[in-house]
Amino acid sequence: MKIFQNKMNFIVILVHFIFLCLSLMLVILSCLFYSKMLSILVIIVLFIFNILFNIFSLFILKRLKNTLILLEESKLHNKALQNLYDSVRTFKHDFFNIIQSVDGYIKTGDKSSLEKYYHEIKFECDNLNSLSTISSEVIDDAALYSLINSKYYKAEALNISFETHFLVKPSSLNITPYELCRILGILLDNAIEAANNTSDKKVIFEIIPTPCFDSSKNMTNIIIENSYSNKDVDINRIFEKGFSSKEDDINIHGLGLWKVNKILQKHENLNLRTSKQSNLFKQVLEIY
C-alpha cells in the first residue's frame, strides 16, 4: 500500500513539473511573439489552471488515501475472519473426540483430570470468543484495529489467553488515535511479557463506559489486566525513567511506562490508575 501511494505521489509531482515547464514555455513564447496584454492574460489563465489542478490533485490523493485505508482495514478484517473460521472449523472437527475424552473421565470417576481437561477446553473457547470481538465494526479505527490484532496474535503465539470486551467504539474517545496507540502498545506489550512469565498466562483487555462523578462528563475506562510473577513490583515507581522490574536491559525496559506518563501529563482528560492483586496486575486508563 505504501509503495503504491509513493508511486501516485511521484506521478502527481511529475505531472506538476511537466505542467510548469509547459507554462514557462508558453509565457516565454507569448512575451516574444505577442503583445504584453496577451502575455499577462496567458499568465493569469495558467495561474488559475494551476490552482485548479492543485485542488484536483489534493482531492484525488485524499480519496486514494481513504481507499487504501479501507483496503487495509478489509485485509485485516478478512485475516481475522479467516483465523476465526479456521479455529471454529478445527474445534468443530475435534468436538466428537473432546466428548469421547470427557466421557472417559466421567466413567472412570477421574474428577481431577476432568477438571483440568475442562479448563483447557474453556481456554480455547475463551480465545475463540475474544477473536470474534476483534472486529473492524467494533474497533472502528484502522490503526487501533491493526494494533490490537497484532497483540492478539503475539499473545496467541505465546499460548497466552487474550480476553477482550469492547462496549465503546474507539472513535468516540477524546484522544487521538496516534496517542492512544502509543499508550496501548506499551501497556499491552508489558502485559503480554509479564503474563508469559507466569503459569496462568492471562491478559484481559476491556474498553467500557464508566459512571463519572461529574454527571456533565462522560468517562470511558480502558482496562488491561494480566497475570504476573513479580509480586514485589513497586507500582509507585514504575513510571520513573529508567526504572524496571528486570535486572537486565534496564535502560530499555524502563522507558515504556515513562513515555506513557509523558503523554498523560499533556492531557487533563487522561488518567492512569495502577493496582495489583494477588493474581492480577491492573492498569486502568481513564478517558474523560
C-alpha atoms as a PDB file:
ATOM      1  CA  MET A   1       0.000   0.000   0.000  1.00  0.00           C
ATOM      2  CA  LYS A   2       2.800   2.432   0.902  1.00  0.00           C
ATOM      3  CA  ILE A   3       4.688   1.663  -2.329  1.00  0.00           C
ATOM      4  CA  PHE A   4       1.551   2.295  -4.405  1.00  0.00           C
ATOM      5  CA  GLN A   5       0.912   5.584  -2.604  1.00  0.00           C
ATOM      6  CA  ASN A   6       4.523   6.676  -3.171  1.00  0.00           C
ATOM      7  CA  LYS A   7       4.145   5.929  -6.877  1.00  0.00           C
ATOM      8  CA  MET A   8       0.998   8.045  -7.067  1.00  0.00           C
ATOM      9  CA  ASN A   9       2.758  10.922  -5.295  1.00  0.00           C
ATOM     10  CA  PHE A  10       5.635  10.646  -7.766  1.00  0.00           C
ATOM     11  CA  ILE A  11       3.214  10.751 -10.719  1.00  0.00           C
ATOM     12  CA  VAL A  12       1.498  13.865  -9.363  1.00  0.00           C
ATOM     13  CA  ILE A  13       4.847  15.601  -8.833  1.00  0.00           C
ATOM     14  CA  LEU A  14       5.968  14.620 -12.344  1.00  0.00           C
ATOM     15  CA  VAL A  15       2.745  16.000 -13.871  1.00  0.00           C
ATOM     16  CA  HIS A  16       3.246  19.240 -11.930  1.00  0.00           C
ATOM     17  CA  PHE A  17       6.805  19.529 -13.212  1.00  0.00           C
ATOM     18  CA  ILE A  18       5.739  18.965 -16.830  1.00  0.00           C
ATOM     19  CA  PHE A  19       2.936  21.499 -16.435  1.00  0.00           C
ATOM     20  CA  LEU A  20       5.338  24.111 -15.028  1.00  0.00           C
ATOM     21  CA  CYS A  21       7.765  23.543 -17.912  1.00  0.00           C
ATOM     22  CA  LEU A  22       4.992  23.951 -20.479  1.00  0.00           C
ATOM     23  CA  SER A  23       3.692  27.033 -18.685  1.00  0.00           C
ATOM     24  CA  LEU A  24       7.144  28.600 -18.725  1.00  0.00           C
ATOM     25  CA  MET A  25       7.485  27.899 -22.457  1.00  0.00           C
ATOM     26  CA  LEU A  26       4.076  29.461 -23.187  1.00  0.00           C
ATOM     27  CA  VAL A  27       4.925  32.566 -21.173  1.00  0.00           C
ATOM     28  CA  ILE A  28       8.245  32.996 -22.973  1.00  0.00           C
ATOM     29  CA  LEU A  29       6.641  32.495 -26.400  1.00  0.00           C
ATOM     30  CA  SER A  30       3.820  34.925 -25.631  1.00  0.00           C
ATOM     31  CA  CYS A  31       6.303  37.551 -24.499  1.00  0.00           C
ATOM     32  CA  LEU A  32       8.396  37.129 -27.659  1.00  0.00           C
ATOM     33  CA  PHE A  33       5.697  36.991 -30.296  1.00  0.00           C
ATOM     34  CA  TYR A  34       2.573  38.590 -28.798  1.00  0.00           C
ATOM     35  CA  SER A  35       1.564  41.763 -27.003  1.00  0.00           C
ATOM     36  CA  LYS A  36       2.210  42.429 -23.333  1.00  0.00           C
ATOM     37  CA  MET A  37      -1.522  42.325 -22.552  1.00  0.00           C
ATOM     38  CA  LEU A  38      -1.841  38.869 -24.092  1.00  0.00           C
ATOM     39  CA  SER A  39       1.185  37.669 -22.150  1.00  0.00           C
ATOM     40  CA  ILE A  40      -0.404  38.823 -18.895  1.00  0.00           C
ATOM     41  CA  LEU A  41      -3.643  37.096 -19.838  1.00  0.00           C
ATOM     42  CA  VAL A  42      -1.779  33.844 -20.563  1.00  0.00           C
ATOM     43  CA  ILE A  43      -0.046  34.052 -17.173  1.00  0.00           C
ATOM     44  CA  ILE A  44      -3.366  34.620 -15.371  1.00  0.00           C
ATOM     45  CA  VAL A  45      -5.014  31.689 -17.162  1.00  0.00           C
ATOM     46  CA  LEU A  46      -2.080  29.400 -16.379  1.00  0.00           C
ATOM     47  CA  PHE A  47      -2.095  30.523 -12.757  1.00  0.00           C
ATOM     48  CA  ILE A  48      -5.820  29.763 -12.392  1.00  0.00           C
ATOM     49  CA  PHE A  49      -5.399  26.426 -14.142  1.00  0.00           C
ATOM     50  CA  ASN A  50      -2.508  25.556 -11.802  1.00  0.00           C
ATOM     51  CA  ILE A  51      -4.643  26.320  -8.734  1.00  0.00           C
ATOM     52  CA  LEU A  52      -7.489  24.156 -10.060  1.00  0.00           C
ATOM     53  CA  PHE A  53      -5.058  21.362 -10.879  1.00  0.00           C
ATOM     54  CA  ASN A  54      -3.600  21.503  -7.351  1.00  0.00           C
ATOM     55  CA  ILE A  55      -7.077  21.301  -5.811  1.00  0.00           C
ATOM     56  CA  PHE A  56      -7.959  18.381  -8.065  1.00  0.00           C
ATOM     57  CA  SER A  57      -4.682  16.603  -7.172  1.00  0.00           C
ATOM     58  CA  LEU A  58      -5.303  17.018  -3.448  1.00  0.00           C
ATOM     59  CA  PHE A  59      -8.840  15.708  -3.852  1.00  0.00           C
ATOM     60  CA  ILE A  60      -7.630  12.655  -5.783  1.00  0.00           C
ATOM     61  CA  LEU A  61      -4.821  11.925  -3.312  1.00  0.00           C
ATOM     62  CA  LYS A  62      -7.203  12.215  -0.354  1.00  0.00           C
ATOM     63  CA  ARG A  63      -9.671   9.810  -1.973  1.00  0.00           C
ATOM     64  CA  LEU A  64      -6.810   7.474  -2.796  1.00  0.00           C
ATOM     65  CA  LYS A  65      -5.580   7.571   0.813  1.00  0.00           C
ATOM     66  CA  ASN A  66      -9.086   6.826   2.147  1.00  0.00           C
ATOM     67  CA  THR A  67      -9.465   3.967  -0.334  1.00  0.00           C
ATOM     68  CA  LEU A  68      -6.105   2.488   0.695  1.00  0.00           C
ATOM     69  CA  ILE A  69      -7.093   2.721   4.382  1.00  0.00           C
ATOM     70  CA  LEU A  70     -10.359   0.889   3.647  1.00  0.00           C
ATOM     71  CA  LEU A  71      -8.460  -1.774   1.726  1.00  0.00           C
ATOM     72  CA  GLU A  72      -6.036  -2.220   4.607  1.00  0.00           C
ATOM     73  CA  GLU A  73      -8.944  -2.490   7.068  1.00  0.00           C
ATOM     74  CA  SER A  74     -10.619  -5.065   4.834  1.00  0.00           C
ATOM     75  CA  LYS A  75      -7.378  -7.028   4.622  1.00  0.00           C
ATOM     76  CA  LEU A  76      -7.022  -7.097   8.410  1.00  0.00           C
ATOM     77  CA  HIS A  77     -10.705  -7.908   8.877  1.00  0.00           C
ATOM     78  CA  ASN A  78     -10.525 -10.768   6.370  1.00  0.00           C
ATOM     79  CA  LYS A  79      -7.462 -12.113   8.154  1.00  0.00           C
ATOM     80  CA  ALA A  80      -9.312 -12.047  11.473  1.00  0.00           C
ATOM     81  CA  LEU A  81     -12.371 -13.737   9.940  1.00  0.00           C
ATOM     82  CA  GLN A  82     -10.208 -16.409   8.306  1.00  0.00           C
ATOM     83  CA  ASN A  83      -8.478 -17.176  11.602  1.00  0.00           C
ATOM     84  CA  LEU A  84     -11.829 -17.297  13.380  1.00  0.00           C
ATOM     85  CA  TYR A  85     -13.241 -19.604  10.697  1.00  0.00           C
ATOM     86  CA  ASP A  86     -10.207 -21.899  10.868  1.00  0.00           C
ATOM     87  CA  SER A  87     -10.380 -22.019  14.672  1.00  0.00           C
ATOM     88  CA  VAL A  88     -14.122 -22.812  14.718  1.00  0.00           C
ATOM     89  CA  ARG A  89     -13.698 -25.408  11.969  1.00  0.00           C
ATOM     90  CA  THR A  90     -10.875 -27.103  13.875  1.00  0.00           C
ATOM     91  CA  PHE A  91     -12.846 -27.038  17.112  1.00  0.00           C
ATOM     92  CA  LYS A  92     -15.907 -28.476  15.355  1.00  0.00           C
ATOM     93  CA  HIS A  93     -13.780 -31.212  13.798  1.00  0.00           C
ATOM     94  CA  ASP A  94     -12.383 -32.146  17.220  1.00  0.00           C
ATOM     95  CA  PHE A  95     -15.707 -31.888  19.062  1.00  0.00           C
ATOM     96  CA  PHE A  96     -16.517 -35.626  18.905  1.00  0.00           C
ATOM     97  CA  ASN A  97     -13.050 -36.501  20.203  1.00  0.00           C
ATOM     98  CA  ILE A  98     -13.499 -33.982  23.031  1.00  0.00           C
ATOM     99  CA  ILE A  99     -16.822 -35.575  24.052  1.00  0.00           C
ATOM    100  CA  GLN A 100     -15.250 -39.036  23.955  1.00  0.00           C
ATOM    101  CA  SER A 101     -12.444 -37.872  26.232  1.00  0.00           C
ATOM    102  CA  VAL A 102     -14.887 -36.289  28.687  1.00  0.00           C
ATOM    103  CA  ASP A 103     -16.921 -39.499  28.673  1.00  0.00           C
ATOM    104  CA  GLY A 104     -13.789 -41.450  29.573  1.00  0.00           C
ATOM    105  CA  TYR A 105     -13.025 -39.264  32.592  1.00  0.00           C
ATOM    106  CA  ILE A 106     -16.671 -39.473  33.785  1.00  0.00           C
ATOM    107  CA  LYS A 107     -16.783 -43.268  33.512  1.00  0.00           C
ATOM    108  CA  THR A 108     -13.536 -43.671  35.450  1.00  0.00           C
ATOM    109  CA  GLY A 109     -14.507 -41.037  38.003  1.00  0.00           C
ATOM    110  CA  ASP A 110     -11.264 -39.147  37.412  1.00  0.00           C
ATOM    111  CA  LYS A 111     -12.509 -35.731  38.575  1.00  0.00           C
ATOM    112  CA  SER A 112      -9.089 -34.050  38.802  1.00  0.00           C
ATOM    113  CA  SER A 113      -8.228 -34.920  35.188  1.00  0.00           C
ATOM    114  CA  LEU A 114     -11.755 -33.938  34.078  1.00  0.00           C
ATOM    115  CA  GLU A 115     -11.388 -30.540  35.761  1.00  0.00           C
ATOM    116  CA  LYS A 116      -8.006 -29.974  34.108  1.00  0.00           C
ATOM    117  CA  TYR A 117      -9.431 -31.004  30.729  1.00  0.00           C
ATOM    118  CA  TYR A 118     -12.409 -28.680  31.231  1.00  0.00           C
ATOM    119  CA  HIS A 119     -10.122 -25.698  31.838  1.00  0.00           C
ATOM    120  CA  GLU A 120      -8.189 -26.494  28.657  1.00  0.00           C
ATOM    121  CA  ILE A 121     -11.451 -26.560  26.652  1.00  0.00           C
ATOM    122  CA  LYS A 122     -12.607 -23.327  28.306  1.00  0.00           C
ATOM    123  CA  PHE A 123      -9.286 -21.675  27.431  1.00  0.00           C
ATOM    124  CA  GLU A 124      -9.797 -22.451  23.746  1.00  0.00           C
ATOM    125  CA  CYS A 125     -13.448 -21.299  23.851  1.00  0.00           C
ATOM    126  CA  ASP A 126     -12.422 -18.018  25.508  1.00  0.00           C
ATOM    127  CA  ASN A 127      -9.850 -17.437  22.767  1.00  0.00           C
ATOM    128  CA  LEU A 128     -12.469 -18.030  20.082  1.00  0.00           C
ATOM    129  CA  ASN A 129     -14.852 -15.605  21.787  1.00  0.00           C
ATOM    130  CA  SER A 130     -12.124 -12.944  22.097  1.00  0.00           C
ATOM    131  CA  LEU A 131     -11.139 -13.288  18.451  1.00  0.00           C
ATOM    132  CA  SER A 132     -14.754 -12.812  17.376  1.00  0.00           C
ATOM    133  CA  THR A 133     -14.933  -9.463  19.230  1.00  0.00           C
ATOM    134  CA  ILE A 134     -11.896  -8.045  17.421  1.00  0.00           C
ATOM    135  CA  SER A 135     -13.920  -6.724  14.516  1.00  0.00           C
ATOM    136  CA  SER A 136     -13.491  -3.564  12.424  1.00  0.00           C
ATOM    137  CA  GLU A 137     -17.174  -2.827  13.131  1.00  0.00           C
ATOM    138  CA  VAL A 138     -16.427  -2.620  16.848  1.00  0.00           C
ATOM    139  CA  ILE A 139     -12.864  -1.278  16.677  1.00  0.00           C
ATOM    140  CA  ASP A 140     -13.668   1.414  14.138  1.00  0.00           C
ATOM    141  CA  ASP A 141     -10.194   2.917  13.887  1.00  0.00           C
ATOM    142  CA  ALA A 142      -7.797   1.288  11.393  1.00  0.00           C
ATOM    143  CA  ALA A 143      -4.627   1.978  13.394  1.00  0.00           C
ATOM    144  CA  LEU A 144      -6.046   0.629  16.670  1.00  0.00           C
ATOM    145  CA  TYR A 145      -7.620  -2.340  14.875  1.00  0.00           C
ATOM    146  CA  SER A 146      -4.239  -3.260  13.423  1.00  0.00           C
ATOM    147  CA  LEU A 147      -2.525  -2.807  16.801  1.00  0.00           C
ATOM    148  CA  ILE A 148      -4.993  -4.981  18.741  1.00  0.00           C
ATOM    149  CA  ASN A 149      -4.857  -7.693  16.070  1.00  0.00           C
ATOM    150  CA  SER A 150      -1.070  -7.789  16.225  1.00  0.00           C
ATOM    151  CA  LYS A 151      -1.092  -8.028  20.039  1.00  0.00           C
ATOM    152  CA  TYR A 152      -3.723 -10.779  19.937  1.00  0.00           C
ATOM    153  CA  TYR A 153      -1.607 -12.894  17.579  1.00  0.00           C
ATOM    154  CA  LYS A 154       1.509 -12.134  19.639  1.00  0.00           C
ATOM    155  CA  ALA A 155      -0.257 -13.461  22.751  1.00  0.00           C
ATOM    156  CA  GLU A 156      -1.646 -16.456  20.854  1.00  0.00           C
ATOM    157  CA  ALA A 157       1.841 -17.392  19.646  1.00  0.00           C
ATOM    158  CA  LEU A 158       2.960 -17.472  23.293  1.00  0.00           C
ATOM    159  CA  ASN A 159      -0.100 -19.538  24.308  1.00  0.00           C
ATOM    160  CA  ILE A 160      -1.444 -16.645  26.386  1.00  0.00           C
ATOM    161  CA  SER A 161      -5.200 -16.264  26.917  1.00  0.00           C
ATOM    162  CA  PHE A 162      -6.178 -12.851  25.476  1.00  0.00           C
ATOM    163  CA  GLU A 163      -9.723 -11.947  26.577  1.00  0.00           C
ATOM    164  CA  THR A 164     -11.392  -8.851  25.092  1.00  0.00           C
ATOM    165  CA  HIS A 165     -14.565  -6.921  25.896  1.00  0.00           C
ATOM    166  CA  PHE A 166     -15.391  -3.806  23.846  1.00  0.00           C
ATOM    167  CA  LEU A 167     -18.519  -1.828  24.764  1.00  0.00           C
ATOM    168  CA  VAL A 168     -17.348   1.540  23.397  1.00  0.00           C
ATOM    169  CA  LYS A 169     -16.152   2.400  19.887  1.00  0.00           C
ATOM    170  CA  PRO A 170     -12.624   3.900  19.994  1.00  0.00           C
ATOM    171  CA  SER A 171     -13.544   6.661  17.532  1.00  0.00           C
ATOM    172  CA  SER A 172     -15.787   8.222  20.201  1.00  0.00           C
ATOM    173  CA  LEU A 173     -12.936   8.583  22.708  1.00  0.00           C
ATOM    174  CA  ASN A 174     -11.496  12.017  23.464  1.00  0.00           C
ATOM    175  CA  ILE A 175      -7.931  11.124  22.441  1.00  0.00           C
ATOM    176  CA  THR A 176      -6.094  10.994  19.120  1.00  0.00           C
ATOM    177  CA  PRO A 177      -5.611   7.520  17.563  1.00  0.00           C
ATOM    178  CA  TYR A 178      -1.841   8.157  17.459  1.00  0.00           C
ATOM    179  CA  GLU A 179      -1.522   8.764  21.197  1.00  0.00           C
ATOM    180  CA  LEU A 180      -3.994   6.009  22.082  1.00  0.00           C
ATOM    181  CA  CYS A 181      -1.993   3.501  20.021  1.00  0.00           C
ATOM    182  CA  ARG A 182       1.255   4.627  21.662  1.00  0.00           C
ATOM    183  CA  ILE A 183      -0.188   4.161  25.158  1.00  0.00           C
ATOM    184  CA  LEU A 184      -1.946   0.837  24.471  1.00  0.00           C
ATOM    185  CA  GLY A 185       1.017  -0.542  22.536  1.00  0.00           C
ATOM    186  CA  ILE A 186       3.272  -0.099  25.570  1.00  0.00           C
ATOM    187  CA  LEU A 187       0.705  -1.322  28.123  1.00  0.00           C
ATOM    188  CA  LEU A 188      -0.239  -4.416  26.088  1.00  0.00           C
ATOM    189  CA  ASP A 189       3.395  -5.307  25.399  1.00  0.00           C
ATOM    190  CA  ASN A 190       4.139  -5.084  29.124  1.00  0.00           C
ATOM    191  CA  ALA A 191       1.050  -7.164  29.959  1.00  0.00           C
ATOM    192  CA  ILE A 192       1.908  -9.899  27.441  1.00  0.00           C
ATOM    193  CA  GLU A 193       5.533 -10.020  28.529  1.00  0.00           C
ATOM    194  CA  ALA A 194       4.583 -10.277  32.217  1.00  0.00           C
ATOM    195  CA  ALA A 195       1.884 -12.911  31.560  1.00  0.00           C
ATOM    196  CA  ASN A 196       4.334 -15.011  29.566  1.00  0.00           C
ATOM    197  CA  ASN A 197       6.425 -15.482  32.718  1.00  0.00           C
ATOM    198  CA  THR A 198       3.514 -16.998  34.669  1.00  0.00           C
ATOM    199  CA  SER A 199       1.728 -20.340  34.694  1.00  0.00           C
ATOM    200  CA  ASP A 200      -1.735 -18.742  34.235  1.00  0.00           C
ATOM    201  CA  LYS A 201      -0.715 -16.818  31.064  1.00  0.00           C
ATOM    202  CA  LYS A 202      -3.675 -14.451  31.027  1.00  0.00           C
ATOM    203  CA  VAL A 203      -4.331 -10.970  29.600  1.00  0.00           C
ATOM    204  CA  ILE A 204      -7.730  -9.212  29.834  1.00  0.00           C
ATOM    205  CA  PHE A 205      -8.368  -6.143  27.665  1.00  0.00           C
ATOM    206  CA  GLU A 206     -11.580  -4.110  28.045  1.00  0.00           C
ATOM    207  CA  ILE A 207     -12.994  -0.809  26.766  1.00  0.00           C
ATOM    208  CA  ILE A 208     -16.102   0.000  28.797  1.00  0.00           C
ATOM    209  CA  PRO A 209     -18.207   3.081  29.691  1.00  0.00           C
ATOM    210  CA  THR A 210     -17.958   4.065  33.343  1.00  0.00           C
ATOM    211  CA  PRO A 211     -20.125   6.323  35.535  1.00  0.00           C
ATOM    212  CA  CYS A 212     -18.373   9.630  36.259  1.00  0.00           C
ATOM    213  CA  PHE A 213     -18.604  11.655  39.489  1.00  0.00           C
ATOM    214  CA  ASP A 214     -19.322  14.682  37.267  1.00  0.00           C
ATOM    215  CA  SER A 215     -22.647  13.972  35.548  1.00  0.00           C
ATOM    216  CA  SER A 216     -21.849  16.513  32.821  1.00  0.00           C
ATOM    217  CA  LYS A 217     -18.900  14.425  31.620  1.00  0.00           C
ATOM    218  CA  ASN A 218     -18.605  11.006  30.006  1.00  0.00           C
ATOM    219  CA  MET A 219     -15.854   8.639  31.053  1.00  0.00           C
ATOM    220  CA  THR A 220     -14.518   5.507  29.414  1.00  0.00           C
ATOM    221  CA  ASN A 221     -12.175   3.049  31.087  1.00  0.00           C
ATOM    222  CA  ILE A 222      -9.639   1.031  29.121  1.00  0.00           C
ATOM    223  CA  ILE A 223      -8.679  -1.813  31.429  1.00  0.00           C
ATOM    224  CA  ILE A 224      -5.674  -4.085  30.941  1.00  0.00           C
ATOM    225  CA  GLU A 225      -5.153  -6.905  33.433  1.00  0.00           C
ATOM    226  CA  ASN A 226      -2.527  -9.629  33.331  1.00  0.00           C
ATOM    227  CA  SER A 227      -1.158 -12.436  35.412  1.00  0.00           C
ATOM    228  CA  TYR A 228       2.267 -11.599  36.864  1.00  0.00           C
ATOM    229  CA  SER A 229       5.019 -13.234  38.872  1.00  0.00           C
ATOM    230  CA  ASN A 230       6.878 -10.286  40.426  1.00  0.00           C
ATOM    231  CA  LYS A 231       4.623  -9.639  43.418  1.00  0.00           C
ATOM    232  CA  ASP A 232       7.114  -7.153  44.892  1.00  0.00           C
ATOM    233  CA  VAL A 233       6.976  -4.697  41.971  1.00  0.00           C
ATOM    234  CA  ASP A 234       6.725  -1.116  43.273  1.00  0.00           C
ATOM    235  CA  ILE A 235       3.716   0.436  41.497  1.00  0.00           C
ATOM    236  CA  ASN A 236       4.699   3.864  42.850  1.00  0.00           C
ATOM    237  CA  ARG A 237       7.986   3.820  40.927  1.00  0.00           C
ATOM    238  CA  ILE A 238       7.158   2.067  37.667  1.00  0.00           C
ATOM    239  CA  PHE A 239       6.658   5.380  35.813  1.00  0.00           C
ATOM    240  CA  GLU A 240      10.128   6.662  36.700  1.00  0.00           C
ATOM    241  CA  LYS A 241      12.575   6.966  33.817  1.00  0.00           C
ATOM    242  CA  GLY A 242      14.942   4.005  33.827  1.00  0.00           C
ATOM    243  CA  PHE A 243      13.008   2.055  36.465  1.00  0.00           C
ATOM    244  CA  SER A 244      12.378  -1.580  35.603  1.00  0.00           C
ATOM    245  CA  SER A 245      11.424  -4.766  37.391  1.00  0.00           C
ATOM    246  CA  LYS A 246      14.018  -6.507  35.191  1.00  0.00           C
ATOM    247  CA  GLU A 247      17.609  -6.799  36.229  1.00  0.00           C
ATOM    248  CA  ASP A 248      18.820  -6.821  32.621  1.00  0.00           C
ATOM    249  CA  ASP A 249      18.293  -4.189  29.941  1.00  0.00           C
ATOM    250  CA  ILE A 250      17.030  -1.616  32.449  1.00  0.00           C
ATOM    251  CA  ASN A 251      17.703   1.286  30.097  1.00  0.00           C
ATOM    252  CA  ILE A 252      15.388  -0.275  27.512  1.00  0.00           C
ATOM    253  CA  HIS A 253      12.586  -1.746  29.614  1.00  0.00           C
ATOM    254  CA  GLY A 254      12.486   1.247  31.969  1.00  0.00           C
ATOM    255  CA  LEU A 255      11.365   3.711  29.287  1.00  0.00           C
ATOM    256  CA  GLY A 256       7.956   2.361  28.240  1.00  0.00           C
ATOM    257  CA  LEU A 257       5.815   3.495  31.161  1.00  0.00           C
ATOM    258  CA  TRP A 258       7.858   6.679  31.477  1.00  0.00           C
ATOM    259  CA  LYS A 259       6.828   7.515  27.880  1.00  0.00           C
ATOM    260  CA  VAL A 260       3.196   6.761  28.773  1.00  0.00           C
ATOM    261  CA  ASN A 261       3.431   9.129  31.721  1.00  0.00           C
ATOM    262  CA  LYS A 262       4.838  11.902  29.482  1.00  0.00           C
ATOM    263  CA  ILE A 263       1.782  11.578  27.204  1.00  0.00           C
ATOM    264  CA  LEU A 264      -0.607  11.607  30.168  1.00  0.00           C
ATOM    265  CA  GLN A 265       0.936  14.792  31.548  1.00  0.00           C
ATOM    266  CA  LYS A 266      -0.020  16.651  28.352  1.00  0.00           C
ATOM    267  CA  HIS A 267      -3.748  15.947  28.768  1.00  0.00           C
ATOM    268  CA  GLU A 268      -6.069  16.863  31.615  1.00  0.00           C
ATOM    269  CA  ASN A 269      -8.699  14.360  30.444  1.00  0.00           C
ATOM    270  CA  LEU A 270      -6.424  11.316  30.816  1.00  0.00           C
ATOM    271  CA  ASN A 271      -5.548   9.419  33.967  1.00  0.00           C
ATOM    272  CA  LEU A 272      -3.896   6.055  34.557  1.00  0.00           C
ATOM    273  CA  ARG A 273      -4.541   4.045  37.722  1.00  0.00           C
ATOM    274  CA  THR A 274      -2.293   1.116  38.581  1.00  0.00           C
ATOM    275  CA  SER A 275      -3.041  -1.609  41.110  1.00  0.00           C
ATOM    276  CA  LYS A 276      -2.101  -5.182  41.853  1.00  0.00           C
ATOM    277  CA  GLN A 277      -3.964  -8.087  43.343  1.00  0.00           C
ATOM    278  CA  SER A 278      -2.750 -11.498  44.375  1.00  0.00           C
ATOM    279  CA  ASN A 279      -3.063 -12.887  40.851  1.00  0.00           C
ATOM    280  CA  LEU A 280      -3.599  -9.920  38.501  1.00  0.00           C
ATOM    281  CA  PHE A 281      -1.721  -6.715  37.704  1.00  0.00           C
ATOM    282  CA  LYS A 282      -4.131  -3.982  36.587  1.00  0.00           C
ATOM    283  CA  GLN A 283      -3.821  -0.773  34.566  1.00  0.00           C
ATOM    284  CA  VAL A 284      -6.910   1.430  34.079  1.00  0.00           C
ATOM    285  CA  LEU A 285      -6.713   4.263  31.561  1.00  0.00           C
ATOM    286  CA  GLU A 286      -9.471   6.773  32.315  1.00  0.00           C
ATOM    287  CA  ILE A 287     -10.545   8.966  29.403  1.00  0.00           C
ATOM    288  CA  TYR A 288     -12.974  11.844  30.083  1.00  0.00           C
END
